[in-house]
PDB file of all heavy atoms in Angstrom:
ATOM      1  N   ALA A   1       1.552 121.116  25.163  1.00  0.00           N
ATOM      2  CA  ALA A   1       2.356 120.198  24.367  1.00  0.00           C
ATOM      3  C   ALA A   1       2.383 120.594  22.903  1.00  0.00           C
ATOM      4  O   ALA A   1       3.397 120.477  22.232  1.00  0.00           O
ATOM      5  CB  ALA A   1       1.829 118.781  24.502  1.00  0.00           C
ATOM      6  N   ASN A   2       1.268 121.061  22.378  1.00  0.00           N
ATOM      7  CA  ASN A   2       1.278 121.438  20.957  1.00  0.00           C
ATOM      8  C   ASN A   2       0.516 122.728  20.692  1.00  0.00           C
ATOM      9  O   ASN A   2       0.118 122.998  19.566  1.00  0.00           O
ATOM     10  CB  ASN A   2       0.693 120.300  20.110  1.00  0.00           C
ATOM     11  CG  ASN A   2      -0.702 119.927  20.569  1.00  0.00           C
ATOM     12  OD1 ASN A   2      -1.257 120.584  21.442  1.00  0.00           O
ATOM     13  ND2 ASN A   2      -1.272 118.880  19.991  1.00  0.00           N
ATOM     14  N   ASP A   3       0.303 123.512  21.763  1.00  0.00           N
ATOM     15  CA  ASP A   3      -0.312 124.831  21.643  1.00  0.00           C
ATOM     16  C   ASP A   3      -1.682 124.803  20.964  1.00  0.00           C
ATOM     17  O   ASP A   3      -2.076 125.761  20.306  1.00  0.00           O
ATOM     18  CB  ASP A   3       0.605 125.797  20.879  1.00  0.00           C
ATOM     19  CG  ASP A   3       1.865 126.094  21.668  1.00  0.00           C
ATOM     20  OD1 ASP A   3       1.783 126.070  22.907  1.00  0.00           O
ATOM     21  OD2 ASP A   3       2.906 126.340  21.047  1.00  0.00           O
ATOM     22  N   GLN A   4      -2.413 123.708  21.141  1.00  0.00           N
ATOM     23  CA  GLN A   4      -3.760 123.641  20.594  1.00  0.00           C
ATOM     24  C   GLN A   4      -4.762 123.998  21.680  1.00  0.00           C
ATOM     25  O   GLN A   4      -4.532 123.770  22.861  1.00  0.00           O
ATOM     26  CB  GLN A   4      -4.064 122.231  20.086  1.00  0.00           C
ATOM     27  CG  GLN A   4      -3.405 121.891  18.752  1.00  0.00           C
ATOM     28  CD  GLN A   4      -3.885 120.548  18.255  1.00  0.00           C
ATOM     29  OE1 GLN A   4      -4.027 119.611  19.005  1.00  0.00           O
ATOM     30  NE2 GLN A   4      -4.159 120.475  16.977  1.00  0.00           N
ATOM     31  N   ILE A   5      -5.883 124.549  21.262  1.00  0.00           N
ATOM     32  CA  ILE A   5      -6.981 124.804  22.170  1.00  0.00           C
ATOM     33  C   ILE A   5      -8.164 123.982  21.692  1.00  0.00           C
ATOM     34  O   ILE A   5      -8.635 124.157  20.576  1.00  0.00           O
ATOM     35  CB  ILE A   5      -7.355 126.294  22.232  1.00  0.00           C
ATOM     36  CG1 ILE A   5      -6.179 127.101  22.787  1.00  0.00           C
ATOM     37  CG2 ILE A   5      -8.584 126.504  23.082  1.00  0.00           C
ATOM     38  CD1 ILE A   5      -6.443 128.580  22.873  1.00  0.00           C
ATOM     39  N   LEU A   6      -8.610 123.052  22.533  1.00  0.00           N
ATOM     40  CA  LEU A   6      -9.696 122.155  22.156  1.00  0.00           C
ATOM     41  C   LEU A   6     -10.768 122.168  23.231  1.00  0.00           C
ATOM     42  O   LEU A   6     -10.477 122.355  24.411  1.00  0.00           O
ATOM     43  CB  LEU A   6      -9.171 120.721  21.982  1.00  0.00           C
ATOM     44  CG  LEU A   6      -8.182 120.489  20.817  1.00  0.00           C
ATOM     45  CD1 LEU A   6      -7.651 119.081  20.903  1.00  0.00           C
ATOM     46  CD2 LEU A   6      -8.884 120.710  19.492  1.00  0.00           C
ATOM     47  N   ALA A   7     -11.983 121.951  22.822  1.00  0.00           N
ATOM     48  CA  ALA A   7     -13.083 121.905  23.777  1.00  0.00           C
ATOM     49  C   ALA A   7     -13.118 120.553  24.448  1.00  0.00           C
ATOM     50  O   ALA A   7     -13.200 119.530  23.794  1.00  0.00           O
ATOM     51  CB  ALA A   7     -14.410 122.173  23.058  1.00  0.00           C
ATOM     52  N   GLN A   8     -13.008 120.539  25.775  1.00  0.00           N
ATOM     53  CA  GLN A   8     -13.164 119.328  26.572  1.00  0.00           C
ATOM     54  C   GLN A   8     -14.133 119.625  27.703  1.00  0.00           C
ATOM     55  O   GLN A   8     -14.231 120.751  28.182  1.00  0.00           O
ATOM     56  CB  GLN A   8     -11.829 118.872  27.166  1.00  0.00           C
ATOM     57  CG  GLN A   8     -10.923 118.142  26.200  1.00  0.00           C
ATOM     58  CD  GLN A   8      -9.698 117.604  26.910  1.00  0.00           C
ATOM     59  OE1 GLN A   8      -9.088 118.283  27.725  1.00  0.00           O
ATOM     60  NE2 GLN A   8      -9.329 116.368  26.597  1.00  0.00           N
ATOM     61  N   SER A   9     -14.836 118.600  28.124  1.00  0.00           N
ATOM     62  CA  SER A   9     -15.708 118.766  29.279  1.00  0.00           C
ATOM     63  C   SER A   9     -14.871 118.930  30.533  1.00  0.00           C
ATOM     64  O   SER A   9     -13.769 118.395  30.634  1.00  0.00           O
ATOM     65  CB  SER A   9     -16.631 117.558  29.422  1.00  0.00           C
ATOM     66  OG  SER A   9     -17.523 117.474  28.342  1.00  0.00           O
ATOM     67  N   ALA A  10     -15.390 119.681  31.481  1.00  0.00           N
ATOM     68  CA  ALA A  10     -14.710 119.863  32.754  1.00  0.00           C
ATOM     69  C   ALA A  10     -15.727 119.763  33.878  1.00  0.00           C
ATOM     70  O   ALA A  10     -16.870 120.200  33.740  1.00  0.00           O
ATOM     71  CB  ALA A  10     -14.005 121.214  32.808  1.00  0.00           C
ATOM     72  N   TYR A  11     -15.313 119.190  34.976  1.00  0.00           N
ATOM     73  CA  TYR A  11     -16.168 119.055  36.145  1.00  0.00           C
ATOM     74  C   TYR A  11     -16.090 120.318  36.986  1.00  0.00           C
ATOM     75  O   TYR A  11     -15.004 120.783  37.343  1.00  0.00           O
ATOM     76  CB  TYR A  11     -15.717 117.849  36.960  1.00  0.00           C
ATOM     77  CG  TYR A  11     -16.392 117.726  38.301  1.00  0.00           C
ATOM     78  CD1 TYR A  11     -17.743 117.394  38.390  1.00  0.00           C
ATOM     79  CD2 TYR A  11     -15.682 117.941  39.476  1.00  0.00           C
ATOM     80  CE1 TYR A  11     -18.356 117.285  39.624  1.00  0.00           C
ATOM     81  CE2 TYR A  11     -16.294 117.827  40.707  1.00  0.00           C
ATOM     82  CZ  TYR A  11     -17.636 117.501  40.778  1.00  0.00           C
ATOM     83  OH  TYR A  11     -18.249 117.390  42.004  1.00  0.00           O
ATOM     84  N   SER A  12     -17.250 120.883  37.283  1.00  0.00           N
ATOM     85  CA  SER A  12     -17.332 122.059  38.134  1.00  0.00           C
ATOM     86  C   SER A  12     -17.361 121.602  39.586  1.00  0.00           C
ATOM     87  O   SER A  12     -18.315 120.956  40.024  1.00  0.00           O
ATOM     88  CB  SER A  12     -18.598 122.864  37.808  1.00  0.00           C
ATOM     89  OG  SER A  12     -18.679 124.011  38.608  1.00  0.00           O
ATOM     90  N   ASP A  13     -16.325 121.927  40.323  1.00  0.00           N
ATOM     91  CA  ASP A  13     -16.118 121.349  41.657  1.00  0.00           C
ATOM     92  C   ASP A  13     -16.977 122.025  42.719  1.00  0.00           C
ATOM     93  O   ASP A  13     -16.524 122.884  43.471  1.00  0.00           O
ATOM     94  CB  ASP A  13     -14.640 121.432  42.027  1.00  0.00           C
ATOM     95  CG  ASP A  13     -14.333 120.659  43.306  1.00  0.00           C
ATOM     96  OD1 ASP A  13     -15.162 119.823  43.700  1.00  0.00           O
ATOM     97  OD2 ASP A  13     -13.263 120.899  43.896  1.00  0.00           O
ATOM     98  N   LYS A  14     -18.223 121.591  42.760  1.00  0.00           N
ATOM     99  CA  LYS A  14     -19.160 122.057  43.771  1.00  0.00           C
ATOM    100  C   LYS A  14     -19.246 121.039  44.907  1.00  0.00           C
ATOM    101  O   LYS A  14     -18.909 119.877  44.728  1.00  0.00           O
ATOM    102  CB  LYS A  14     -20.542 122.272  43.145  1.00  0.00           C
ATOM    103  CG  LYS A  14     -20.556 123.351  42.071  1.00  0.00           C
ATOM    104  CD  LYS A  14     -21.944 123.493  41.462  1.00  0.00           C
ATOM    105  CE  LYS A  14     -21.956 124.562  40.375  1.00  0.00           C
ATOM    106  NZ  LYS A  14     -23.290 124.697  39.736  1.00  0.00           N
ATOM    107  N   PRO A  15     -19.717 121.444  46.086  1.00  0.00           N
ATOM    108  CA  PRO A  15     -19.790 120.512  47.208  1.00  0.00           C
ATOM    109  C   PRO A  15     -20.724 119.332  46.918  1.00  0.00           C
ATOM    110  O   PRO A  15     -21.755 119.481  46.278  1.00  0.00           O
ATOM    111  CB  PRO A  15     -20.343 121.374  48.351  1.00  0.00           C
ATOM    112  CG  PRO A  15     -19.990 122.773  47.981  1.00  0.00           C
ATOM    113  CD  PRO A  15     -20.082 122.824  46.487  1.00  0.00           C
ATOM    114  N   TYR A  16     -20.329 118.187  47.391  1.00  0.00           N
ATOM    115  CA  TYR A  16     -21.137 116.969  47.343  1.00  0.00           C
ATOM    116  C   TYR A  16     -21.138 116.381  48.756  1.00  0.00           C
ATOM    117  O   TYR A  16     -20.405 116.845  49.637  1.00  0.00           O
ATOM    118  CB  TYR A  16     -20.555 115.973  46.337  1.00  0.00           C
ATOM    119  CG  TYR A  16     -19.208 115.432  46.748  1.00  0.00           C
ATOM    120  CD1 TYR A  16     -19.099 114.210  47.408  1.00  0.00           C
ATOM    121  CD2 TYR A  16     -18.044 116.154  46.514  1.00  0.00           C
ATOM    122  CE1 TYR A  16     -17.871 113.733  47.815  1.00  0.00           C
ATOM    123  CE2 TYR A  16     -16.818 115.686  46.914  1.00  0.00           C
ATOM    124  CZ  TYR A  16     -16.723 114.470  47.563  1.00  0.00           C
ATOM    125  OH  TYR A  16     -15.507 114.004  47.989  1.00  0.00           O
ATOM    126  N   ASP A  17     -21.936 115.366  48.998  1.00  0.00           N
ATOM    127  CA  ASP A  17     -22.009 114.750  50.320  1.00  0.00           C
ATOM    128  C   ASP A  17     -20.948 113.658  50.454  1.00  0.00           C
ATOM    129  O   ASP A  17     -21.010 112.634  49.771  1.00  0.00           O
ATOM    130  CB  ASP A  17     -23.390 114.154  50.576  1.00  0.00           C
ATOM    131  CG  ASP A  17     -24.440 115.210  50.848  1.00  0.00           C
ATOM    132  OD1 ASP A  17     -24.046 116.341  51.191  1.00  0.00           O
ATOM    133  OD2 ASP A  17     -25.647 114.920  50.725  1.00  0.00           O
ATOM    134  N   GLN A  18     -19.987 113.866  51.340  1.00  0.00           N
ATOM    135  CA  GLN A  18     -18.935 112.892  51.605  1.00  0.00           C
ATOM    136  C   GLN A  18     -19.266 112.135  52.886  1.00  0.00           C
ATOM    137  O   GLN A  18     -19.475 112.732  53.938  1.00  0.00           O
ATOM    138  CB  GLN A  18     -17.587 113.589  51.758  1.00  0.00           C
ATOM    139  CG  GLN A  18     -16.446 112.670  52.135  1.00  0.00           C
ATOM    140  CD  GLN A  18     -16.080 111.730  51.013  1.00  0.00           C
ATOM    141  OE1 GLN A  18     -15.824 112.152  49.888  1.00  0.00           O
ATOM    142  NE2 GLN A  18     -16.046 110.436  51.308  1.00  0.00           N
ATOM    143  N   SER A  19     -19.331 110.821  52.800  1.00  0.00           N
ATOM    144  CA  SER A  19     -19.672 109.996  53.958  1.00  0.00           C
ATOM    145  C   SER A  19     -18.422 109.564  54.714  1.00  0.00           C
ATOM    146  O   SER A  19     -17.358 109.367  54.129  1.00  0.00           O
ATOM    147  CB  SER A  19     -20.446 108.751  53.517  1.00  0.00           C
ATOM    148  OG  SER A  19     -21.667 109.098  52.917  1.00  0.00           O
ATOM    149  N   TYR A  20     -18.584 109.389  56.017  1.00  0.00           N
ATOM    150  CA  TYR A  20     -17.534 108.833  56.862  1.00  0.00           C
ATOM    151  C   TYR A  20     -18.198 108.266  58.109  1.00  0.00           C
ATOM    152  O   TYR A  20     -19.400 108.471  58.351  1.00  0.00           O
ATOM    153  CB  TYR A  20     -16.484 109.885  57.224  1.00  0.00           C
ATOM    154  CG  TYR A  20     -17.017 111.044  58.034  1.00  0.00           C
ATOM    155  CD1 TYR A  20     -16.924 111.059  59.421  1.00  0.00           C
ATOM    156  CD2 TYR A  20     -17.627 112.131  57.411  1.00  0.00           C
ATOM    157  CE1 TYR A  20     -17.427 112.120  60.167  1.00  0.00           C
ATOM    158  CE2 TYR A  20     -18.123 113.196  58.135  1.00  0.00           C
ATOM    159  CZ  TYR A  20     -18.025 113.183  59.519  1.00  0.00           C
ATOM    160  OH  TYR A  20     -18.530 114.229  60.251  1.00  0.00           O
ATOM    161  N   SER A  21     -17.440 107.544  58.903  1.00  0.00           N
ATOM    162  CA  SER A  21     -18.021 106.876  60.065  1.00  0.00           C
ATOM    163  C   SER A  21     -17.193 107.146  61.313  1.00  0.00           C
ATOM    164  O   SER A  21     -15.959 107.187  61.263  1.00  0.00           O
ATOM    165  CB  SER A  21     -18.092 105.364  59.815  1.00  0.00           C
ATOM    166  OG  SER A  21     -18.574 104.688  60.962  1.00  0.00           O
ATOM    167  N   VAL A  22     -17.893 107.321  62.421  1.00  0.00           N
ATOM    168  CA  VAL A  22     -17.273 107.383  63.741  1.00  0.00           C
ATOM    169  C   VAL A  22     -17.770 106.171  64.513  1.00  0.00           C
ATOM    170  O   VAL A  22     -18.978 105.948  64.616  1.00  0.00           O
ATOM    171  CB  VAL A  22     -17.628 108.680  64.492  1.00  0.00           C
ATOM    172  CG1 VAL A  22     -16.960 108.703  65.857  1.00  0.00           C
ATOM    173  CG2 VAL A  22     -17.222 109.898  63.674  1.00  0.00           C
ATOM    174  N   LYS A  23     -16.843 105.382  65.042  1.00  0.00           N
ATOM    175  CA  LYS A  23     -17.207 104.113  65.683  1.00  0.00           C
ATOM    176  C   LYS A  23     -16.998 104.178  67.189  1.00  0.00           C
ATOM    177  O   LYS A  23     -16.029 104.771  67.672  1.00  0.00           O
ATOM    178  CB  LYS A  23     -16.379 102.970  65.095  1.00  0.00           C
ATOM    179  CG  LYS A  23     -16.676 102.681  63.632  1.00  0.00           C
ATOM    180  CD  LYS A  23     -15.588 101.847  62.977  1.00  0.00           C
ATOM    181  CE  LYS A  23     -14.321 102.656  62.813  1.00  0.00           C
ATOM    182  NZ  LYS A  23     -13.297 101.969  62.011  1.00  0.00           N
ATOM    183  N   TYR A  24     -17.919 103.538  67.902  1.00  0.00           N
ATOM    184  CA  TYR A  24     -17.839 103.428  69.357  1.00  0.00           C
ATOM    185  C   TYR A  24     -17.984 101.953  69.719  1.00  0.00           C
ATOM    186  O   TYR A  24     -19.023 101.337  69.454  1.00  0.00           O
ATOM    187  CB  TYR A  24     -18.933 104.251  70.032  1.00  0.00           C
ATOM    188  CG  TYR A  24     -18.895 105.718  69.681  1.00  0.00           C
ATOM    189  CD1 TYR A  24     -19.661 106.216  68.621  1.00  0.00           C
ATOM    190  CD2 TYR A  24     -18.083 106.601  70.384  1.00  0.00           C
ATOM    191  CE1 TYR A  24     -19.621 107.561  68.286  1.00  0.00           C
ATOM    192  CE2 TYR A  24     -18.042 107.950  70.048  1.00  0.00           C
ATOM    193  CZ  TYR A  24     -18.811 108.424  69.000  1.00  0.00           C
ATOM    194  OH  TYR A  24     -18.775 109.744  68.663  1.00  0.00           O
ATOM    195  N   TYR A  25     -16.950 101.400  70.328  1.00  0.00           N
ATOM    196  CA  TYR A  25     -16.934  99.972  70.622  1.00  0.00           C
ATOM    197  C   TYR A  25     -17.474  99.685  72.023  1.00  0.00           C
ATOM    198  O   TYR A  25     -17.242 100.438  72.972  1.00  0.00           O
ATOM    199  CB  TYR A  25     -15.520  99.422  70.498  1.00  0.00           C
ATOM    200  CG  TYR A  25     -15.049  99.308  69.070  1.00  0.00           C
ATOM    201  CD1 TYR A  25     -14.478 100.400  68.411  1.00  0.00           C
ATOM    202  CD2 TYR A  25     -15.177  98.122  68.368  1.00  0.00           C
ATOM    203  CE1 TYR A  25     -14.048 100.303  67.099  1.00  0.00           C
ATOM    204  CE2 TYR A  25     -14.747  98.010  67.046  1.00  0.00           C
ATOM    205  CZ  TYR A  25     -14.183  99.105  66.425  1.00  0.00           C
ATOM    206  OH  TYR A  25     -13.768  99.003  65.120  1.00  0.00           O
ATOM    207  N   LEU A  26     -18.175  98.570  72.122  1.00  0.00           N
ATOM    208  CA  LEU A  26     -18.632  98.078  73.416  1.00  0.00           C
ATOM    209  C   LEU A  26     -17.459  97.527  74.217  1.00  0.00           C
ATOM    210  O   LEU A  26     -16.560  96.886  73.656  1.00  0.00           O
ATOM    211  CB  LEU A  26     -19.646  96.953  73.215  1.00  0.00           C
ATOM    212  CG  LEU A  26     -21.125  97.289  73.134  1.00  0.00           C
ATOM    213  CD1 LEU A  26     -21.901  96.051  72.699  1.00  0.00           C
ATOM    214  CD2 LEU A  26     -21.652  97.812  74.455  1.00  0.00           C
ATOM    215  N   ARG A  27     -17.481  97.748  75.501  1.00  0.00           N
ATOM    216  CA  ARG A  27     -16.535  97.070  76.368  1.00  0.00           C
ATOM    217  C   ARG A  27     -17.021  95.639  76.603  1.00  0.00           C
ATOM    218  O   ARG A  27     -18.215  95.358  76.525  1.00  0.00           O
ATOM    219  CB  ARG A  27     -16.424  97.807  77.702  1.00  0.00           C
ATOM    220  CG  ARG A  27     -15.999  99.271  77.574  1.00  0.00           C
ATOM    221  CD  ARG A  27     -15.915  99.945  78.920  1.00  0.00           C
ATOM    222  NE  ARG A  27     -17.154  99.758  79.666  1.00  0.00           N
ATOM    223  CZ  ARG A  27     -17.294 100.023  80.965  1.00  0.00           C
ATOM    224  NH1 ARG A  27     -16.274 100.471  81.649  1.00  0.00           N
ATOM    225  NH2 ARG A  27     -18.454  99.843  81.564  1.00  0.00           N
ATOM    226  N   LYS A  28     -16.112  94.752  76.883  1.00  0.00           N
ATOM    227  CA  LYS A  28     -16.484  93.347  77.066  1.00  0.00           C
ATOM    228  C   LYS A  28     -17.438  93.150  78.241  1.00  0.00           C
ATOM    229  O   LYS A  28     -18.193  92.179  78.282  1.00  0.00           O
ATOM    230  CB  LYS A  28     -15.233  92.497  77.262  1.00  0.00           C
ATOM    231  CG  LYS A  28     -14.349  92.420  76.021  1.00  0.00           C
ATOM    232  CD  LYS A  28     -13.128  91.547  76.262  1.00  0.00           C
ATOM    233  CE  LYS A  28     -12.270  91.465  75.003  1.00  0.00           C
ATOM    234  NZ  LYS A  28     -11.048  90.628  75.227  1.00  0.00           N
ATOM    235  N   THR A  29     -17.419  94.075  79.193  1.00  0.00           N
ATOM    236  CA  THR A  29     -18.240  93.924  80.398  1.00  0.00           C
ATOM    237  C   THR A  29     -19.651  94.461  80.248  1.00  0.00           C
ATOM    238  O   THR A  29     -20.462  94.335  81.159  1.00  0.00           O
ATOM    239  CB  THR A  29     -17.572  94.649  81.579  1.00  0.00           C
ATOM    240  OG1 THR A  29     -17.395  96.038  81.229  1.00  0.00           O
ATOM    241  CG2 THR A  29     -16.217  94.028  81.891  1.00  0.00           C
ATOM    242  N   ASP A  30     -19.958  95.062  79.080  1.00  0.00           N
ATOM    243  CA  ASP A  30     -21.239  95.759  78.946  1.00  0.00           C
ATOM    244  C   ASP A  30     -22.370  94.898  78.395  1.00  0.00           C
ATOM    245  O   ASP A  30     -23.512  95.349  78.353  1.00  0.00           O
ATOM    246  CB  ASP A  30     -21.077  96.989  78.049  1.00  0.00           C
ATOM    247  CG  ASP A  30     -20.347  98.118  78.763  1.00  0.00           C
ATOM    248  OD1 ASP A  30     -20.521  98.239  79.985  1.00  0.00           O
ATOM    249  OD2 ASP A  30     -19.598  98.853  78.101  1.00  0.00           O
ATOM    250  N   GLY A  31     -22.108  93.695  77.969  1.00  0.00           N
ATOM    251  CA  GLY A  31     -23.163  92.883  77.384  1.00  0.00           C
ATOM    252  C   GLY A  31     -23.576  93.410  76.028  1.00  0.00           C
ATOM    253  O   GLY A  31     -22.934  94.297  75.457  1.00  0.00           O
ATOM    254  N   GLY A  32     -24.675  92.897  75.494  1.00  0.00           N
ATOM    255  CA  GLY A  32     -25.134  93.315  74.180  1.00  0.00           C
ATOM    256  C   GLY A  32     -25.975  94.571  74.217  1.00  0.00           C
ATOM    257  O   GLY A  32     -26.573  94.912  75.240  1.00  0.00           O
ATOM    258  N   LEU A  33     -26.038  95.278  73.078  1.00  0.00           N
ATOM    259  CA  LEU A  33     -26.865  96.473  72.983  1.00  0.00           C
ATOM    260  C   LEU A  33     -28.319  96.097  72.744  1.00  0.00           C
ATOM    261  O   LEU A  33     -28.629  95.240  71.912  1.00  0.00           O
ATOM    262  CB  LEU A  33     -26.376  97.369  71.841  1.00  0.00           C
ATOM    263  CG  LEU A  33     -25.042  98.096  72.055  1.00  0.00           C
ATOM    264  CD1 LEU A  33     -24.707  98.937  70.834  1.00  0.00           C
ATOM    265  CD2 LEU A  33     -25.091  98.969  73.303  1.00  0.00           C
ATOM    266  N   LEU A  34     -29.201  96.778  73.447  1.00  0.00           N
ATOM    267  CA  LEU A  34     -30.639  96.558  73.309  1.00  0.00           C
ATOM    268  C   LEU A  34     -31.307  97.654  72.487  1.00  0.00           C
ATOM    269  O   LEU A  34     -32.433  97.473  72.019  1.00  0.00           O
ATOM    270  CB  LEU A  34     -31.293  96.488  74.695  1.00  0.00           C
ATOM    271  CG  LEU A  34     -30.735  95.433  75.652  1.00  0.00           C
ATOM    272  CD1 LEU A  34     -31.410  95.551  77.015  1.00  0.00           C
ATOM    273  CD2 LEU A  34     -30.926  94.045  75.075  1.00  0.00           C
ATOM    274  N   GLY A  35     -30.632  98.770  72.312  1.00  0.00           N
ATOM    275  CA  GLY A  35     -31.219  99.870  71.559  1.00  0.00           C
ATOM    276  C   GLY A  35     -30.382 101.117  71.697  1.00  0.00           C
ATOM    277  O   GLY A  35     -29.448 101.182  72.505  1.00  0.00           O
ATOM    278  N   ALA A  36     -30.713 102.123  70.902  1.00  0.00           N
ATOM    279  CA  ALA A  36     -30.011 103.399  70.950  1.00  0.00           C
ATOM    280  C   ALA A  36     -30.972 104.496  70.517  1.00  0.00           C
ATOM    281  O   ALA A  36     -31.963 104.248  69.821  1.00  0.00           O
ATOM    282  CB  ALA A  36     -28.780 103.386  70.055  1.00  0.00           C
ATOM    283  N   GLY A  37     -30.691 105.722  70.928  1.00  0.00           N
ATOM    284  CA  GLY A  37     -31.530 106.856  70.558  1.00  0.00           C
ATOM    285  C   GLY A  37     -30.771 108.156  70.668  1.00  0.00           C
ATOM    286  O   GLY A  37     -29.684 108.220  71.250  1.00  0.00           O
ATOM    287  N   CYS A  38     -31.357 109.195  70.095  1.00  0.00           N
ATOM    288  CA  CYS A  38     -30.746 110.522  70.112  1.00  0.00           C
ATOM    289  C   CYS A  38     -31.852 111.555  70.289  1.00  0.00           C
ATOM    290  O   CYS A  38     -32.877 111.485  69.601  1.00  0.00           O
ATOM    291  CB  CYS A  38     -29.982 110.760  68.818  1.00  0.00           C
ATOM    292  SG  CYS A  38     -29.297 112.422  68.642  1.00  0.00           S
ATOM    293  N   ASP A  39     -31.656 112.516  71.189  1.00  0.00           N
ATOM    294  CA  ASP A  39     -32.703 113.514  71.414  1.00  0.00           C
ATOM    295  C   ASP A  39     -32.423 114.785  70.620  1.00  0.00           C
ATOM    296  O   ASP A  39     -31.442 114.879  69.869  1.00  0.00           O
ATOM    297  CB  ASP A  39     -32.869 113.802  72.909  1.00  0.00           C
ATOM    298  CG  ASP A  39     -31.704 114.575  73.521  1.00  0.00           C
ATOM    299  OD1 ASP A  39     -30.795 115.001  72.777  1.00  0.00           O
ATOM    300  OD2 ASP A  39     -31.692 114.752  74.750  1.00  0.00           O
ATOM    301  N   ARG A  40     -33.286 115.784  70.781  1.00  0.00           N
ATOM    302  CA  ARG A  40     -33.200 117.014  70.002  1.00  0.00           C
ATOM    303  C   ARG A  40     -31.946 117.821  70.303  1.00  0.00           C
ATOM    304  O   ARG A  40     -31.565 118.706  69.536  1.00  0.00           O
ATOM    305  CB  ARG A  40     -34.434 117.880  70.258  1.00  0.00           C
ATOM    306  CG  ARG A  40     -34.619 118.315  71.701  1.00  0.00           C
ATOM    307  CD  ARG A  40     -35.904 119.130  71.890  1.00  0.00           C
ATOM    308  NE  ARG A  40     -35.819 120.381  71.169  1.00  0.00           N
ATOM    309  CZ  ARG A  40     -35.307 121.501  71.690  1.00  0.00           C
ATOM    310  NH1 ARG A  40     -34.828 121.512  72.932  1.00  0.00           N
ATOM    311  NH2 ARG A  40     -35.263 122.611  70.978  1.00  0.00           N
ATOM    312  N   ASN A  41     -31.267 117.526  71.405  1.00  0.00           N
ATOM    313  CA  ASN A  41     -30.031 118.212  71.755  1.00  0.00           C
ATOM    314  C   ASN A  41     -28.795 117.509  71.205  1.00  0.00           C
ATOM    315  O   ASN A  41     -27.671 117.953  71.445  1.00  0.00           O
ATOM    316  CB  ASN A  41     -29.913 118.317  73.281  1.00  0.00           C
ATOM    317  CG  ASN A  41     -31.066 119.088  73.881  1.00  0.00           C
ATOM    318  OD1 ASN A  41     -31.397 120.176  73.416  1.00  0.00           O
ATOM    319  ND2 ASN A  41     -31.697 118.533  74.903  1.00  0.00           N
TER     320      ASN A  41
END
């Protein structure tokens, strides 16, 4: 706009942790959940 060069801070775009969710719904016939787990596989 005016051919000036000025010092401004800039963000260095390195990876960060982005969260998101995957949802699994119960069927009406399954009753309530009593627990959940995940093994080494």
